[in-house]
């Protein structure tokens, strides 16, 4: 959540302007990005202390050794983020970044060639999974909330942060469904916002619009966070669910439906929306307009997953 900037009582007051500048500099990154960089930098500092090396400014040799050590258990994407955190820390402290040194780059290239860059992606939730989950959810406050959360997350292809950030006021009900206003997202840090239409489903048990209406009726919510925590007695909290809650709710629901949750994650709802959309022949433009993907290569990764058996050459071998 981005806080309000300090009030500028005098636009020429240097102290006020410096405070405003610091505020806007902080706002240039999302809260998640700041937390991630801070955690990565702390890890680098801790390693430097343990090995009696200077973290700021660090030498290229120190970073090369650190990457070599971390490569034993970190993914390539995590190593890239560590390099970025180290670079940003040096730049903010007005030191030249040692991450640009060829010694650091050559070590990272060697790690990349040795480990490879293949990433394990979350398994998508497919229609068969959604149907089984909806059958297993109870008609309790929590079950009705989880039904609405999972169906809306799947039907809208939302990121977890987008899903839990929805307020009741962001919903516009119409005869054709619901329009959901997403105020801000990972690829929309300036808050232009987007409207995502959610249509009625053909089956009431898996219809996201009916699920949202049921949740609004049961919860009595008329404003504020759409999805909130519910305690063991079924009482609603005035606070908002976190993005980690989406993962917990999905994995718990998969287990209730007797589906092994091992390969699923909080990203599986969004991955499922894109994968099923490709399988059903939905245009790439329509999918992109809904999900807000700015990188088509990332979006097409799901197309490859959808096509792997649909366009499978071994089908035509006659075996």
Protein backbone atom coordinates (compact mmCIF):
# COMPACT_ATOMS: atom_id res chain seq x y z
CA UNK A 1 0.00 0.00 0.00
CA UNK A 2 1.45 3.36 -1.04
CA UNK A 3 1.27 5.98 1.71
CA UNK A 4 0.38 9.62 1.15
CA UNK A 5 3.27 12.01 0.43
CA UNK A 6 4.23 14.54 3.11
CA UNK A 7 2.31 17.81 2.97
CA UNK A 8 4.31 20.59 1.35
CA UNK A 9 3.38 23.70 3.30
CA UNK A 10 6.09 25.69 1.53
CA UNK A 11 7.15 24.43 -1.88
CA UNK A 12 10.56 26.12 -1.48
CA UNK A 13 11.32 24.60 1.92
CA UNK A 14 14.33 22.34 1.27
CA UNK A 15 13.63 20.03 4.24
CA UNK A 16 10.04 19.45 3.05
CA UNK A 17 11.19 18.89 -0.52
CA UNK A 18 13.84 16.38 0.61
CA UNK A 19 11.21 14.48 2.60
CA UNK A 20 8.91 14.44 -0.42
CA UNK A 21 11.75 13.26 -2.66
CA UNK A 22 12.55 10.39 -0.26
CA UNK A 23 8.87 9.43 -0.20
CA UNK A 24 8.60 9.34 -3.99
CA UNK A 25 11.86 7.39 -4.29
CA UNK A 26 10.43 4.74 -1.94
CA UNK A 27 7.20 4.69 -3.92
CA UNK A 28 9.11 3.84 -7.11
CA UNK A 29 9.20 0.20 -5.93
CA UNK A 30 6.34 -1.96 -4.73
CA UNK A 31 6.29 -3.10 -1.09
CA UNK A 32 7.04 -6.68 -2.20
CA UNK A 33 10.06 -5.54 -4.23
CA UNK A 34 11.44 -3.51 -1.34
CA UNK A 35 11.02 -6.42 1.06
CA UNK A 36 12.66 -8.78 -1.42
CA UNK A 37 15.68 -6.54 -2.02
CA UNK A 38 16.07 -5.90 1.72
CA UNK A 39 16.01 -9.64 2.44
CA UNK A 40 18.54 -10.37 -0.33
CA UNK A 41 20.86 -7.61 0.83
CA UNK A 42 20.67 -8.83 4.44
CA UNK A 43 21.67 -12.30 3.29
CA UNK A 44 24.68 -10.91 1.42
CA UNK A 45 25.71 -8.80 4.44
CA UNK A 46 25.43 -11.83 6.74
CA UNK A 47 27.58 -13.95 4.41
CA UNK A 48 30.20 -11.19 4.22
CA UNK A 49 30.39 -10.98 8.02
CA UNK A 50 30.81 -14.75 8.30
CA UNK A 51 33.64 -14.72 5.75
CA UNK A 52 35.28 -11.50 7.02
CA UNK A 53 34.62 -9.62 3.81
CA UNK A 54 33.39 -6.08 3.22
CA UNK A 55 29.85 -5.83 1.89
CA UNK A 56 29.79 -2.12 1.04
CA UNK A 57 31.59 -1.43 -1.12
CA UNK A 58 32.15 -5.04 -2.11
CA UNK A 59 34.86 -6.21 -4.47
CA UNK A 60 34.04 -8.19 -7.62
CA UNK A 61 35.90 -11.15 -6.09
CA UNK A 62 33.60 -11.09 -3.04
CA UNK A 63 30.48 -11.15 -5.18
CA UNK A 64 31.89 -13.89 -7.41
CA UNK A 65 32.58 -16.06 -4.35
CA UNK A 66 29.13 -15.29 -2.92
CA UNK A 67 27.38 -16.29 -6.16
CA UNK A 68 29.44 -19.48 -6.32
CA UNK A 69 28.34 -20.38 -2.79
CA UNK A 70 24.68 -19.44 -3.30
CA UNK A 71 24.49 -21.35 -6.60
CA UNK A 72 24.62 -24.56 -4.57
CA UNK A 73 21.02 -24.12 -3.43
CA UNK A 74 19.44 -21.07 -5.11
CA UNK A 75 17.61 -20.98 -8.44
CA UNK A 76 18.91 -18.83 -11.30
CA UNK A 77 16.03 -16.37 -10.80
CA UNK A 78 16.97 -15.99 -7.12
CA UNK A 79 20.63 -15.41 -8.00
CA UNK A 80 19.60 -12.70 -10.46
CA UNK A 81 17.58 -10.99 -7.72
CA UNK A 82 20.57 -11.13 -5.34
CA UNK A 83 22.75 -9.45 -7.97
CA UNK A 84 20.12 -6.75 -8.44
CA UNK A 85 19.87 -6.14 -4.68
CA UNK A 86 23.65 -5.80 -4.40
CA UNK A 87 23.73 -3.42 -7.36
CA UNK A 88 20.96 -1.23 -5.96
CA UNK A 89 22.59 -1.07 -2.51
CA UNK A 90 25.84 0.19 -4.07
CA UNK A 91 24.09 2.69 -6.32
CA UNK A 92 22.04 4.11 -3.43
CA UNK A 93 25.26 4.50 -1.42
CA UNK A 94 26.87 6.22 -4.43
CA UNK A 95 29.44 3.49 -5.01
CA UNK A 96 30.14 2.09 -8.49
CA UNK A 97 28.43 -1.28 -8.76
CA UNK A 98 30.90 -4.21 -8.76
CA UNK A 99 28.17 -6.42 -10.27
CA UNK A 100 29.03 -4.91 -13.67
CA UNK A 101 32.60 -6.21 -13.48
CA UNK A 102 33.46 -8.86 -16.07
CA UNK A 103 34.68 -11.22 -13.33
CA UNK A 104 31.21 -11.25 -11.77
CA UNK A 105 29.50 -11.60 -15.14
CA UNK A 106 31.70 -14.47 -16.26
CA UNK A 107 31.05 -16.39 -13.01
CA UNK A 108 27.30 -15.90 -13.44
CA UNK A 109 27.47 -17.02 -17.09
CA UNK A 110 29.33 -20.14 -15.95
CA UNK A 111 26.68 -20.87 -13.30
CA UNK A 112 23.98 -20.39 -15.92
CA UNK A 113 25.66 -22.82 -18.36
CA UNK A 114 26.25 -25.37 -15.61
CA UNK A 115 22.84 -25.27 -13.92
CA UNK A 116 20.67 -24.29 -16.88
CA UNK A 117 17.81 -21.84 -16.67
CA UNK A 118 14.85 -24.19 -16.79
CA UNK A 119 12.34 -23.21 -14.12
CA UNK A 120 9.73 -25.36 -12.46
CA UNK A 121 6.37 -23.76 -13.07
CA UNK A 122 3.25 -24.17 -10.96
CA UNK A 123 0.79 -26.73 -12.28
CA UNK A 124 -2.30 -25.01 -13.70
CA UNK A 125 -5.71 -25.61 -12.18
CA UNK A 126 -7.81 -27.06 -14.99
CA UNK A 127 -11.61 -27.28 -15.26
CA UNK A 128 -11.58 -30.82 -13.83
CA UNK A 129 -9.75 -29.53 -10.72
CA UNK A 130 -12.14 -26.60 -10.29
CA UNK A 131 -15.16 -28.90 -10.56
CA UNK A 132 -13.82 -31.32 -7.95
CA UNK A 133 -12.92 -28.47 -5.58
CA UNK A 134 -16.39 -26.90 -5.83
CA UNK A 135 -17.99 -30.26 -5.05
CA UNK A 136 -15.90 -30.64 -1.89
CA UNK A 137 -16.31 -27.17 -0.35
CA UNK A 138 -18.84 -27.00 2.51
CA UNK A 139 -21.75 -24.51 2.71
CA UNK A 140 -20.17 -22.68 5.66
CA UNK A 141 -19.02 -19.06 5.78
CA UNK A 142 -15.48 -20.20 5.00
CA UNK A 143 -16.59 -22.58 2.26
CA UNK A 144 -18.70 -19.90 0.57
CA UNK A 145 -15.82 -17.41 0.79
CA UNK A 146 -13.32 -19.92 -0.60
CA UNK A 147 -15.67 -20.81 -3.47
CA UNK A 148 -15.98 -17.13 -4.41
CA UNK A 149 -12.23 -16.48 -4.03
CA UNK A 150 -11.12 -19.47 -6.12
CA UNK A 151 -13.70 -19.06 -8.88
CA UNK A 152 -13.06 -15.33 -9.20
CA UNK A 153 -9.29 -15.85 -9.17
CA UNK A 154 -9.57 -18.50 -11.88
CA UNK A 155 -12.15 -16.74 -14.08
CA UNK A 156 -10.29 -13.41 -13.97
CA UNK A 157 -6.76 -14.76 -14.30
CA UNK A 158 -5.84 -12.51 -11.39
CA UNK A 159 -2.53 -12.33 -9.60
CA UNK A 160 -2.83 -13.12 -5.90
CA UNK A 161 -2.10 -9.50 -4.93
CA UNK A 162 -4.81 -8.29 -7.32
CA UNK A 163 -7.33 -10.79 -5.99
CA UNK A 164 -6.93 -9.92 -2.30
CA UNK A 165 -6.74 -6.21 -3.15
CA UNK A 166 -10.30 -6.12 -4.53
CA UNK A 167 -12.79 -4.05 -2.54
CA UNK A 168 -16.57 -4.46 -2.67
CA UNK A 169 -16.72 -1.02 -4.27
CA UNK A 170 -14.61 -2.38 -7.16
CA UNK A 171 -17.46 -4.67 -8.28
CA UNK A 172 -20.05 -3.58 -10.82
CA UNK A 173 -22.91 -6.08 -11.20
CA UNK A 174 -24.80 -6.22 -14.47
CA UNK A 175 -27.19 -8.55 -16.30
CA UNK A 176 -24.25 -10.19 -18.09
CA UNK A 177 -22.00 -10.69 -15.07
CA UNK A 178 -19.59 -8.64 -12.95
CA UNK A 179 -17.00 -6.08 -13.95
CA UNK A 180 -14.05 -6.06 -11.54
CA UNK A 181 -11.97 -2.90 -11.26
CA UNK A 182 -8.30 -3.66 -10.57
CA UNK A 183 -6.83 -0.43 -9.26
CA UNK A 184 -3.15 -1.37 -9.35
CA UNK A 185 -1.06 -4.42 -10.26
CA UNK A 186 2.48 -5.67 -10.76
CA UNK A 187 2.62 -4.36 -14.32
CA UNK A 188 0.63 -1.21 -13.50
CA UNK A 189 2.55 0.49 -10.70
CA UNK A 190 1.26 3.94 -11.69
CA UNK A 191 -2.35 2.98 -11.01
CA UNK A 192 -3.96 3.37 -14.44
CA UNK A 193 -6.21 0.46 -13.48
CA UNK A 194 -8.16 -1.95 -15.65
CA UNK A 195 -11.67 -3.41 -15.82
CA UNK A 196 -12.00 -7.20 -16.04
CA UNK A 197 -15.39 -8.61 -17.10
CA UNK A 198 -16.49 -11.87 -15.44
CA UNK A 199 -19.34 -13.63 -17.24
CA UNK A 200 -21.95 -15.99 -15.80
CA UNK A 201 -20.97 -19.65 -16.02
CA UNK A 202 -23.18 -22.33 -17.55
CA UNK A 203 -23.10 -24.37 -14.32
CA UNK A 204 -24.23 -22.61 -11.14
CA UNK A 205 -21.85 -24.71 -9.00
CA UNK A 206 -18.83 -23.34 -10.86
CA UNK A 207 -20.22 -19.92 -11.78
CA UNK A 208 -17.99 -17.11 -10.41
CA UNK A 209 -20.80 -14.52 -10.56
CA UNK A 210 -23.20 -16.62 -8.47
CA UNK A 211 -20.35 -17.42 -6.07
CA UNK A 212 -19.58 -13.71 -5.54
CA UNK A 213 -23.29 -12.90 -5.03
CA UNK A 214 -23.59 -15.73 -2.48
CA UNK A 215 -20.53 -14.45 -0.60
CA UNK A 216 -21.80 -10.86 -0.53
CA UNK A 217 -25.15 -12.04 0.82
CA UNK A 218 -23.65 -14.26 3.51
CA UNK A 219 -20.95 -11.79 4.56
CA UNK A 220 -23.20 -8.74 4.46
CA UNK A 221 -20.29 -6.77 3.01
CA UNK A 222 -21.12 -3.46 1.37
CA UNK A 223 -17.66 -1.84 1.39
CA UNK A 224 -14.01 -2.51 2.12
CA UNK A 225 -12.02 -5.68 1.44
CA UNK A 226 -14.02 -8.24 -0.55
CA UNK A 227 -12.17 -11.20 0.97
CA UNK A 228 -11.39 -11.28 4.69
CA UNK A 229 -10.08 -13.85 7.19
CA UNK A 230 -12.62 -16.09 8.96
CA UNK A 231 -11.86 -17.63 12.38
CA UNK A 232 -12.55 -21.21 13.47
CA UNK A 233 -16.05 -20.26 14.67
CA UNK A 234 -17.00 -18.71 11.32
CA UNK A 235 -16.71 -15.08 12.37
CA UNK A 236 -15.48 -12.58 9.78
CA UNK A 237 -12.49 -10.32 10.44
CA UNK A 238 -12.53 -6.66 9.36
CA UNK A 239 -9.02 -7.08 7.89
CA UNK A 240 -7.99 -8.21 4.41
CA UNK A 241 -6.62 -11.59 3.30
CA UNK A 242 -2.95 -11.62 2.30
CA UNK A 243 -1.64 -12.94 -1.01
CA UNK A 244 -0.17 -15.91 0.88
CA UNK A 245 -3.70 -16.77 2.02
CA UNK A 246 -4.65 -17.54 -1.59
CA UNK A 247 -2.01 -20.25 -1.75
CA UNK A 248 -3.10 -21.76 1.56
CA UNK A 249 -6.78 -21.74 0.58
CA UNK A 250 -6.10 -23.32 -2.82
CA UNK A 251 -3.82 -26.08 -1.48
CA UNK A 252 -6.23 -26.86 1.35
CA UNK A 253 -9.13 -27.02 -1.12
CA UNK A 254 -7.18 -29.34 -3.42
CA UNK A 255 -6.56 -31.72 -0.53
CA UNK A 256 -10.26 -31.64 0.39
CA UNK A 257 -10.99 -32.64 -3.21
CA UNK A 258 -8.49 -35.54 -2.96
CA UNK A 259 -6.08 -33.86 -5.41
CA UNK A 260 -2.37 -34.02 -4.61
CA UNK A 261 -1.35 -30.34 -4.10
CA UNK A 262 2.40 -30.98 -4.46
CA UNK A 263 2.88 -29.28 -7.84
CA UNK A 264 0.37 -26.46 -7.30
CA UNK A 265 0.95 -22.98 -5.90
CA UNK A 266 -0.87 -19.70 -5.40
CA UNK A 267 -0.05 -18.94 -9.06
CA UNK A 268 -1.97 -22.01 -10.28
CA UNK A 269 -5.31 -20.18 -10.64
CA UNK A 270 -3.80 -17.60 -12.99
CA UNK A 271 -1.81 -20.28 -14.85
CA UNK A 272 -5.01 -22.32 -15.16
CA UNK A 273 -6.96 -19.43 -16.67
CA UNK A 274 -4.34 -18.88 -19.39
CA UNK A 275 -3.83 -22.59 -20.12
CA UNK A 276 -7.55 -23.37 -20.38
CA UNK A 277 -8.12 -20.25 -22.48
CA UNK A 278 -5.49 -21.40 -24.97
CA UNK A 279 -6.96 -24.92 -25.01
CA UNK A 280 -10.39 -23.45 -25.76
CA UNK A 281 -9.03 -21.38 -28.65
CA UNK A 282 -9.40 -17.96 -27.00
CA UNK A 283 -7.44 -15.30 -28.89
CA UNK A 284 -4.10 -14.29 -27.45
CA UNK A 285 -5.18 -10.64 -27.51
CA UNK A 286 -8.22 -11.42 -25.36
CA UNK A 287 -6.14 -13.43 -22.87
CA UNK A 288 -3.54 -10.67 -22.64
CA UNK A 289 -6.21 -8.02 -22.17
CA UNK A 290 -7.58 -9.96 -19.19
CA UNK A 291 -4.33 -10.95 -17.50
CA UNK A 292 -2.38 -7.76 -18.22
CA UNK A 293 0.73 -9.66 -19.36
CA UNK A 294 3.18 -7.21 -20.92
CA UNK A 295 5.63 -9.91 -22.03
CA UNK A 296 4.18 -12.18 -24.71
CA UNK A 297 6.99 -14.70 -24.22
CA UNK A 298 5.80 -15.28 -20.66
CA UNK A 299 2.20 -15.64 -21.84
CA UNK A 300 3.15 -18.08 -24.63
CA UNK A 301 4.85 -20.35 -22.14
CA UNK A 302 1.35 -21.43 -21.12
CA UNK A 303 0.47 -21.98 -24.78
CA UNK A 304 3.33 -24.44 -25.08
CA UNK A 305 1.99 -26.29 -22.04
CA UNK A 306 -1.51 -26.33 -23.53
CA UNK A 307 -0.27 -27.57 -26.91
CA UNK A 308 2.06 -30.29 -25.65
CA UNK A 309 -0.54 -33.04 -26.02
CA UNK A 310 -3.08 -31.27 -28.24
CA UNK A 311 -0.49 -30.94 -31.03
CA UNK A 312 1.41 -34.11 -30.23
CA UNK A 313 3.16 -35.78 -33.19
CA UNK A 314 3.22 -39.19 -31.47
CA UNK A 315 -0.58 -39.36 -31.80
CA UNK A 316 -0.17 -39.91 -35.54
CA UNK A 317 2.43 -42.67 -35.39
CA UNK A 318 -0.19 -45.42 -35.46
CA UNK A 319 1.11 -47.19 -32.37
